[in-house]
Amino acid sequence: MNLLDRQYTKTPFYGWPRMTAYLRREGYEVNPKRVRRLMALMGLQAIHPKRRTSMPAPGHKRYPYLLRGLKITRPCQVWSTDVTYVPMRGGFLYLVAVIDWFSRYVLAWQLSNTLDGLFCRVALRQALEQGVPAIFNTDQGAQFTAIEFIGILEAAGIQVSMDGRGRALDNVFVERLWRTVKYEHIYLVEYDAVPQLEAGLHDYFHFYNHERLHQSLGYQTPAEVHYA
């Protein structure tokens, strides 16, 4: 599963057929059904339009994607969120983060050993303690289309935006965040215990927000831009 995650982070346009072919070229005799099942378990899906493994909540209301062509000019104009798979020695956890599109500032994050929606709502509430965005964008996963999650946004007067089905690039800044976190931290450390992972991510996200210079931000940190 670790190899799957590393390759997906490098080539997020690989679905299970190409991922199966890649693993076989690397010398692994893998069954396509197993690769498909593991990718679904890990929440991985190719970024090009197709059916997603991240399924919406039953009967959820559909919201339009509001960010196409929108000029992002200030902090707290657009926030977004996503969940990713975090490999560990002997297991894995799920990580959710809320990010500001203008500043790339990570407002909140949480870990969970399941894909239920509670940890996503906890992260959302933590982020809202720091401000209220005009628009909040998510994918159509069950965690974000659930009534409980949408209700928090609507109660705060926030416009809800949702990616098109199978279009991970609609949430591009979170996708870039996952690649950064994994290649700059997760893959280098390979945690084997949850407390150490939590402590390591706490330190990394502080570094990411307050020390890591971003070329796209004119070599400023997210915190410098967010609180300017």
C-alpha atoms as a PDB file:
ATOM      1  CA  MET A   1       0.000   0.000   0.000  1.00  0.00           C
ATOM      2  CA  ASN A   2       2.935   2.305   0.675  1.00  0.00           C
ATOM      3  CA  LEU A   3       4.201   1.763  -2.879  1.00  0.00           C
ATOM      4  CA  LEU A   4       0.717   2.459  -4.243  1.00  0.00           C
ATOM      5  CA  ASP A   5       0.544   5.729  -2.331  1.00  0.00           C
ATOM      6  CA  ARG A   6       4.007   6.844  -3.446  1.00  0.00           C
ATOM      7  CA  GLN A   7       3.255   6.160  -7.104  1.00  0.00           C
ATOM      8  CA  TYR A   8      -0.189   7.779  -6.929  1.00  0.00           C
ATOM      9  CA  THR A   9       1.306  10.899  -5.359  1.00  0.00           C
ATOM     10  CA  LYS A  10       3.784  11.015  -8.249  1.00  0.00           C
ATOM     11  CA  THR A  11       1.222  10.148 -10.972  1.00  0.00           C
ATOM     12  CA  PRO A  12      -2.273  11.007  -9.678  1.00  0.00           C
ATOM     13  CA  PHE A  13      -3.717  10.413 -13.154  1.00  0.00           C
ATOM     14  CA  TYR A  14      -3.138   6.656 -12.776  1.00  0.00           C
ATOM     15  CA  GLY A  15      -6.318   4.671 -12.230  1.00  0.00           C
ATOM     16  CA  TRP A  16      -6.287   1.015 -11.183  1.00  0.00           C
ATOM     17  CA  PRO A  17      -5.546  -0.374 -14.699  1.00  0.00           C
ATOM     18  CA  ARG A  18      -2.388   1.698 -15.159  1.00  0.00           C
ATOM     19  CA  MET A  19      -1.417   1.246 -11.523  1.00  0.00           C
ATOM     20  CA  THR A  20      -1.672  -2.528 -12.015  1.00  0.00           C
ATOM     21  CA  ALA A  21       0.509  -2.302 -15.125  1.00  0.00           C
ATOM     22  CA  TYR A  22       3.064  -0.170 -13.272  1.00  0.00           C
ATOM     23  CA  LEU A  23       3.303  -2.627 -10.363  1.00  0.00           C
ATOM     24  CA  ARG A  24       3.730  -5.549 -12.750  1.00  0.00           C
ATOM     25  CA  ARG A  25       6.543  -3.703 -14.565  1.00  0.00           C
ATOM     26  CA  GLU A  26       8.193  -3.298 -11.160  1.00  0.00           C
ATOM     27  CA  GLY A  27       8.097  -7.075 -10.686  1.00  0.00           C
ATOM     28  CA  TYR A  28       4.985  -7.443  -8.509  1.00  0.00           C
ATOM     29  CA  GLU A  29       2.521 -10.151  -9.609  1.00  0.00           C
ATOM     30  CA  VAL A  30      -0.623  -8.289  -8.560  1.00  0.00           C
ATOM     31  CA  ASN A  31      -4.263  -9.023  -9.269  1.00  0.00           C
ATOM     32  CA  PRO A  32      -6.145  -6.065 -10.832  1.00  0.00           C
ATOM     33  CA  LYS A  33      -9.073  -6.655  -8.475  1.00  0.00           C
ATOM     34  CA  ARG A  34      -6.751  -6.352  -5.490  1.00  0.00           C
ATOM     35  CA  VAL A  35      -5.234  -3.122  -6.802  1.00  0.00           C
ATOM     36  CA  ARG A  36      -8.690  -1.691  -7.379  1.00  0.00           C
ATOM     37  CA  ARG A  37      -9.827  -2.722  -3.881  1.00  0.00           C
ATOM     38  CA  LEU A  38      -6.740  -1.245  -2.219  1.00  0.00           C
ATOM     39  CA  MET A  39      -7.046   2.036  -4.113  1.00  0.00           C
ATOM     40  CA  ALA A  40     -10.677   2.302  -3.044  1.00  0.00           C
ATOM     41  CA  LEU A  41      -9.712   1.561   0.564  1.00  0.00           C
ATOM     42  CA  MET A  42      -7.048   4.248   0.419  1.00  0.00           C
ATOM     43  CA  GLY A  43      -9.371   6.777  -1.207  1.00  0.00           C
ATOM     44  CA  LEU A  44      -7.249   7.049  -4.365  1.00  0.00           C
ATOM     45  CA  GLN A  45      -8.781   7.867  -7.736  1.00  0.00           C
ATOM     46  CA  ALA A  46      -7.404   9.117 -11.033  1.00  0.00           C
ATOM     47  CA  ILE A  47      -7.761  12.862 -11.529  1.00  0.00           C
ATOM     48  CA  HIS A  48      -9.250  12.693 -15.024  1.00  0.00           C
ATOM     49  CA  PRO A  49     -13.061  12.567 -15.344  1.00  0.00           C
ATOM     50  CA  LYS A  50     -14.375   9.099 -14.476  1.00  0.00           C
ATOM     51  CA  ARG A  51     -16.334   7.317 -11.775  1.00  0.00           C
ATOM     52  CA  ARG A  52     -14.791   8.017  -8.383  1.00  0.00           C
ATOM     53  CA  THR A  53     -14.165   5.723  -5.446  1.00  0.00           C
ATOM     54  CA  SER A  54     -15.136   8.620  -3.187  1.00  0.00           C
ATOM     55  CA  MET A  55     -18.904   8.274  -3.078  1.00  0.00           C
ATOM     56  CA  PRO A  56     -21.352  11.025  -2.074  1.00  0.00           C
ATOM     57  CA  ALA A  57     -23.690  10.682   0.859  1.00  0.00           C
ATOM     58  CA  PRO A  58     -27.024   9.072  -0.154  1.00  0.00           C
ATOM     59  CA  GLY A  59     -29.502  11.676  -1.384  1.00  0.00           C
ATOM     60  CA  HIS A  60     -27.111  14.566  -0.941  1.00  0.00           C
ATOM     61  CA  LYS A  61     -27.878  17.937  -2.485  1.00  0.00           C
ATOM     62  CA  ARG A  62     -25.683  18.805  -5.461  1.00  0.00           C
ATOM     63  CA  TYR A  63     -23.845  22.119  -5.371  1.00  0.00           C
ATOM     64  CA  PRO A  64     -22.195  23.786  -8.391  1.00  0.00           C
ATOM     65  CA  TYR A  65     -18.464  24.313  -8.743  1.00  0.00           C
ATOM     66  CA  LEU A  66     -18.085  28.057  -8.098  1.00  0.00           C
ATOM     67  CA  LEU A  67     -14.354  28.524  -8.687  1.00  0.00           C
ATOM     68  CA  ARG A  68     -14.000  28.122 -12.452  1.00  0.00           C
ATOM     69  CA  GLY A  69     -12.690  31.438 -13.762  1.00  0.00           C
ATOM     70  CA  LEU A  70     -12.920  33.069 -10.329  1.00  0.00           C
ATOM     71  CA  LYS A  71     -10.043  35.410  -9.508  1.00  0.00           C
ATOM     72  CA  ILE A  72      -8.759  34.721  -5.998  1.00  0.00           C
ATOM     73  CA  THR A  73      -7.586  38.057  -4.565  1.00  0.00           C
ATOM     74  CA  ARG A  74      -7.589  37.797  -0.761  1.00  0.00           C
ATOM     75  CA  PRO A  75      -7.377  35.443   2.207  1.00  0.00           C
ATOM     76  CA  CYS A  76     -10.666  33.936   3.413  1.00  0.00           C
ATOM     77  CA  GLN A  77     -12.198  34.283  -0.041  1.00  0.00           C
ATOM     78  CA  VAL A  78     -11.994  30.539  -0.740  1.00  0.00           C
ATOM     79  CA  TRP A  79     -11.174  27.648   1.559  1.00  0.00           C
ATOM     80  CA  SER A  80     -11.133  23.986   0.577  1.00  0.00           C
ATOM     81  CA  THR A  81     -10.604  20.592   2.151  1.00  0.00           C
ATOM     82  CA  ASP A  82      -9.744  17.016   1.250  1.00  0.00           C
ATOM     83  CA  VAL A  83      -8.766  13.687   2.805  1.00  0.00           C
ATOM     84  CA  THR A  84      -5.633  11.718   1.985  1.00  0.00           C
ATOM     85  CA  TYR A  85      -4.136   8.372   2.979  1.00  0.00           C
ATOM     86  CA  VAL A  86      -1.097   8.468   5.281  1.00  0.00           C
ATOM     87  CA  PRO A  87       1.052   5.305   5.253  1.00  0.00           C
ATOM     88  CA  MET A  88       2.704   4.052   8.432  1.00  0.00           C
ATOM     89  CA  ARG A  89       4.795   0.997   9.202  1.00  0.00           C
ATOM     90  CA  GLY A  90       2.220  -1.731   9.685  1.00  0.00           C
ATOM     91  CA  GLY A  91      -0.846   0.397   9.003  1.00  0.00           C
ATOM     92  CA  PHE A  92      -2.244   3.719   7.858  1.00  0.00           C
ATOM     93  CA  LEU A  93      -4.394   6.674   8.902  1.00  0.00           C
ATOM     94  CA  TYR A  94      -6.441   9.276   7.061  1.00  0.00           C
ATOM     95  CA  LEU A  95      -5.525  12.969   7.135  1.00  0.00           C
ATOM     96  CA  VAL A  96      -7.881  15.873   6.471  1.00  0.00           C
ATOM     97  CA  ALA A  97      -6.796  19.487   6.092  1.00  0.00           C
ATOM     98  CA  VAL A  98      -8.488  22.834   5.477  1.00  0.00           C
ATOM     99  CA  ILE A  99      -6.476  25.271   3.341  1.00  0.00           C
ATOM    100  CA  ASP A 100      -6.906  28.885   2.246  1.00  0.00           C
ATOM    101  CA  TRP A 101      -6.586  29.143  -1.538  1.00  0.00           C
ATOM    102  CA  PHE A 102      -5.031  32.617  -1.640  1.00  0.00           C
ATOM    103  CA  SER A 103      -2.347  32.176   1.017  1.00  0.00           C
ATOM    104  CA  ARG A 104      -1.987  28.351   0.953  1.00  0.00           C
ATOM    105  CA  TYR A 105      -2.242  28.589   4.761  1.00  0.00           C
ATOM    106  CA  VAL A 106      -3.299  25.332   6.459  1.00  0.00           C
ATOM    107  CA  LEU A 107      -5.993  26.417   8.897  1.00  0.00           C
ATOM    108  CA  ALA A 108      -6.660  23.039  10.526  1.00  0.00           C
ATOM    109  CA  TRP A 109      -5.958  19.328  10.187  1.00  0.00           C
ATOM    110  CA  GLN A 110      -7.009  16.078  11.843  1.00  0.00           C
ATOM    111  CA  LEU A 111      -6.100  12.380  11.703  1.00  0.00           C
ATOM    112  CA  SER A 112      -8.494   9.430  11.814  1.00  0.00           C
ATOM    113  CA  ASN A 113      -8.349   5.646  11.495  1.00  0.00           C
ATOM    114  CA  THR A 114     -11.684   5.601   9.650  1.00  0.00           C
ATOM    115  CA  LEU A 115     -13.331   7.589   6.865  1.00  0.00           C
ATOM    116  CA  ASP A 116     -16.361   8.594   8.908  1.00  0.00           C
ATOM    117  CA  GLY A 117     -17.124  12.301   8.831  1.00  0.00           C
ATOM    118  CA  LEU A 118     -16.430  13.250  12.451  1.00  0.00           C
ATOM    119  CA  PHE A 119     -12.757  14.135  12.030  1.00  0.00           C
ATOM    120  CA  CYS A 120     -13.626  16.274   8.996  1.00  0.00           C
ATOM    121  CA  ARG A 121     -16.200  18.220  11.005  1.00  0.00           C
ATOM    122  CA  VAL A 122     -13.718  18.694  13.848  1.00  0.00           C
ATOM    123  CA  ALA A 123     -11.177  20.179  11.420  1.00  0.00           C
ATOM    124  CA  LEU A 124     -13.844  22.413   9.872  1.00  0.00           C
ATOM    125  CA  ARG A 125     -14.913  23.792  13.258  1.00  0.00           C
ATOM    126  CA  GLN A 126     -11.284  24.426  14.201  1.00  0.00           C
ATOM    127  CA  ALA A 127     -10.739  26.332  10.963  1.00  0.00           C
ATOM    128  CA  LEU A 128     -13.869  28.436  11.485  1.00  0.00           C
ATOM    129  CA  GLU A 129     -12.507  29.592  14.830  1.00  0.00           C
ATOM    130  CA  GLN A 130      -9.950  31.554  12.774  1.00  0.00           C
ATOM    131  CA  GLY A 131     -12.340  33.186  10.326  1.00  0.00           C
ATOM    132  CA  VAL A 132     -15.191  32.622   7.873  1.00  0.00           C
ATOM    133  CA  PRO A 133     -14.577  32.214   4.122  1.00  0.00           C
ATOM    134  CA  ALA A 134     -16.933  33.433   1.418  1.00  0.00           C
ATOM    135  CA  ILE A 135     -16.756  30.062  -0.416  1.00  0.00           C
ATOM    136  CA  PHE A 136     -15.868  26.586   0.805  1.00  0.00           C
ATOM    137  CA  ASN A 137     -14.953  23.972  -1.812  1.00  0.00           C
ATOM    138  CA  THR A 138     -14.949  20.175  -1.387  1.00  0.00           C
ATOM    139  CA  ASP A 139     -15.130  17.048  -3.481  1.00  0.00           C
ATOM    140  CA  GLN A 140     -18.305  14.932  -3.494  1.00  0.00           C
ATOM    141  CA  GLY A 141     -17.110  12.428  -0.901  1.00  0.00           C
ATOM    142  CA  ALA A 142     -19.590  11.284   1.730  1.00  0.00           C
ATOM    143  CA  GLN A 143     -17.709  13.099   4.490  1.00  0.00           C
ATOM    144  CA  PHE A 144     -18.305  16.470   2.810  1.00  0.00           C
ATOM    145  CA  THR A 145     -21.754  15.947   1.285  1.00  0.00           C
ATOM    146  CA  ALA A 146     -23.256  14.759   4.576  1.00  0.00           C
ATOM    147  CA  ILE A 147     -25.978  16.926   6.087  1.00  0.00           C
ATOM    148  CA  GLU A 148     -23.917  17.429   9.246  1.00  0.00           C
ATOM    149  CA  PHE A 149     -20.946  18.898   7.332  1.00  0.00           C
ATOM    150  CA  ILE A 150     -22.989  21.039   4.944  1.00  0.00           C
ATOM    151  CA  GLY A 151     -25.089  22.284   7.848  1.00  0.00           C
ATOM    152  CA  ILE A 152     -22.032  23.811   9.536  1.00  0.00           C
ATOM    153  CA  LEU A 153     -21.177  25.729   6.365  1.00  0.00           C
ATOM    154  CA  GLU A 154     -24.691  26.952   5.696  1.00  0.00           C
ATOM    155  CA  ALA A 155     -25.198  28.002   9.317  1.00  0.00           C
ATOM    156  CA  ALA A 156     -22.115  30.218   8.956  1.00  0.00           C
ATOM    157  CA  GLY A 157     -23.469  31.792   5.752  1.00  0.00           C
ATOM    158  CA  ILE A 158     -20.763  30.226   3.557  1.00  0.00           C
ATOM    159  CA  GLN A 159     -21.360  29.437  -0.124  1.00  0.00           C
ATOM    160  CA  VAL A 160     -20.818  25.750  -0.840  1.00  0.00           C
ATOM    161  CA  SER A 161     -18.842  24.735  -3.936  1.00  0.00           C
ATOM    162  CA  MET A 162     -18.234  21.139  -5.028  1.00  0.00           C
ATOM    163  CA  ASP A 163     -15.824  19.639  -7.543  1.00  0.00           C
ATOM    164  CA  GLY A 164     -17.163  18.016 -10.663  1.00  0.00           C
ATOM    165  CA  ARG A 165     -17.351  14.222 -10.284  1.00  0.00           C
ATOM    166  CA  GLY A 166     -13.920  12.711 -10.864  1.00  0.00           C
ATOM    167  CA  ARG A 167     -12.171  16.090 -11.191  1.00  0.00           C
ATOM    168  CA  ALA A 168      -9.558  16.223  -8.422  1.00  0.00           C
ATOM    169  CA  LEU A 169      -7.865  19.152 -10.184  1.00  0.00           C
ATOM    170  CA  ASP A 170     -10.875  21.285  -9.251  1.00  0.00           C
ATOM    171  CA  ASN A 171      -9.320  21.210  -5.756  1.00  0.00           C
ATOM    172  CA  VAL A 172      -5.788  21.672  -7.027  1.00  0.00           C
ATOM    173  CA  PHE A 173      -4.231  23.457  -4.051  1.00  0.00           C
ATOM    174  CA  VAL A 174      -5.108  20.657  -1.641  1.00  0.00           C
ATOM    175  CA  GLU A 175      -3.726  18.117  -4.115  1.00  0.00           C
ATOM    176  CA  ARG A 176      -0.456  20.076  -4.195  1.00  0.00           C
ATOM    177  CA  LEU A 177      -0.435  20.237  -0.400  1.00  0.00           C
ATOM    178  CA  TRP A 178      -0.667  16.439  -0.146  1.00  0.00           C
ATOM    179  CA  ARG A 179       2.259  15.985  -2.510  1.00  0.00           C
ATOM    180  CA  THR A 180       4.337  18.458  -0.513  1.00  0.00           C
ATOM    181  CA  VAL A 181       3.527  16.925   2.880  1.00  0.00           C
ATOM    182  CA  LYS A 182       4.264  13.395   1.712  1.00  0.00           C
ATOM    183  CA  TYR A 183       7.498  14.004  -0.173  1.00  0.00           C
ATOM    184  CA  GLU A 184       8.917  16.516   2.299  1.00  0.00           C
ATOM    185  CA  HIS A 185       7.897  14.674   5.458  1.00  0.00           C
ATOM    186  CA  ILE A 186       5.814  11.468   5.528  1.00  0.00           C
ATOM    187  CA  TYR A 187       7.937   9.407   3.130  1.00  0.00           C
ATOM    188  CA  LEU A 188      11.156  10.556   4.792  1.00  0.00           C
ATOM    189  CA  VAL A 189      10.169   9.538   8.320  1.00  0.00           C
ATOM    190  CA  GLU A 190       7.958   6.422   7.948  1.00  0.00           C
ATOM    191  CA  TYR A 191       6.204   6.604  11.302  1.00  0.00           C
ATOM    192  CA  ASP A 192       5.297   3.458  13.212  1.00  0.00           C
ATOM    193  CA  ALA A 193       3.183   4.987  16.026  1.00  0.00           C
ATOM    194  CA  VAL A 194       0.229   7.382  15.982  1.00  0.00           C
ATOM    195  CA  PRO A 195       1.477   9.768  18.726  1.00  0.00           C
ATOM    196  CA  GLN A 196       4.744  10.272  16.853  1.00  0.00           C
ATOM    197  CA  LEU A 197       2.867  10.851  13.586  1.00  0.00           C
ATOM    198  CA  GLU A 198       0.637  13.468  15.233  1.00  0.00           C
ATOM    199  CA  ALA A 199       3.632  15.220  16.766  1.00  0.00           C
ATOM    200  CA  GLY A 200       5.543  15.099  13.499  1.00  0.00           C
ATOM    201  CA  LEU A 201       2.662  16.546  11.498  1.00  0.00           C
ATOM    202  CA  HIS A 202       2.169  19.267  14.110  1.00  0.00           C
ATOM    203  CA  ASP A 203       5.788  20.325  13.655  1.00  0.00           C
ATOM    204  CA  TYR A 204       5.653  19.995   9.865  1.00  0.00           C
ATOM    205  CA  PHE A 205       2.500  22.090   9.435  1.00  0.00           C
ATOM    206  CA  HIS A 206       4.009  24.790  11.653  1.00  0.00           C
ATOM    207  CA  PHE A 207       7.067  24.746   9.399  1.00  0.00           C
ATOM    208  CA  TYR A 208       4.855  24.757   6.287  1.00  0.00           C
ATOM    209  CA  ASN A 209       2.801  27.748   7.480  1.00  0.00           C
ATOM    210  CA  HIS A 210       5.496  29.857   9.143  1.00  0.00           C
ATOM    211  CA  GLU A 211       8.887  28.955   7.656  1.00  0.00           C
ATOM    212  CA  ARG A 212       8.559  27.284   4.245  1.00  0.00           C
ATOM    213  CA  LEU A 213       8.981  29.846   1.443  1.00  0.00           C
ATOM    214  CA  HIS A 214       6.567  29.416  -1.481  1.00  0.00           C
ATOM    215  CA  GLN A 215       7.684  30.464  -4.939  1.00  0.00           C
ATOM    216  CA  SER A 216       4.053  31.092  -5.948  1.00  0.00           C
ATOM    217  CA  LEU A 217       3.749  33.520  -3.016  1.00  0.00           C
ATOM    218  CA  GLY A 218       6.795  35.541  -4.038  1.00  0.00           C
ATOM    219  CA  TYR A 219       8.975  33.562  -1.628  1.00  0.00           C
ATOM    220  CA  GLN A 220       6.848  34.485   1.360  1.00  0.00           C
ATOM    221  CA  THR A 221       5.404  32.042   3.866  1.00  0.00           C
ATOM    222  CA  PRO A 222       1.664  31.231   3.935  1.00  0.00           C
ATOM    223  CA  ALA A 223       1.375  32.911   7.332  1.00  0.00           C
ATOM    224  CA  GLU A 224       2.944  36.116   6.053  1.00  0.00           C
ATOM    225  CA  VAL A 225       0.443  36.277   3.210  1.00  0.00           C
ATOM    226  CA  HIS A 226      -2.556  35.127   5.241  1.00  0.00           C
ATOM    227  CA  TYR A 227      -2.095  37.658   8.028  1.00  0.00           C
ATOM    228  CA  ALA A 228      -0.709  40.537   5.970  1.00  0.00           C
END
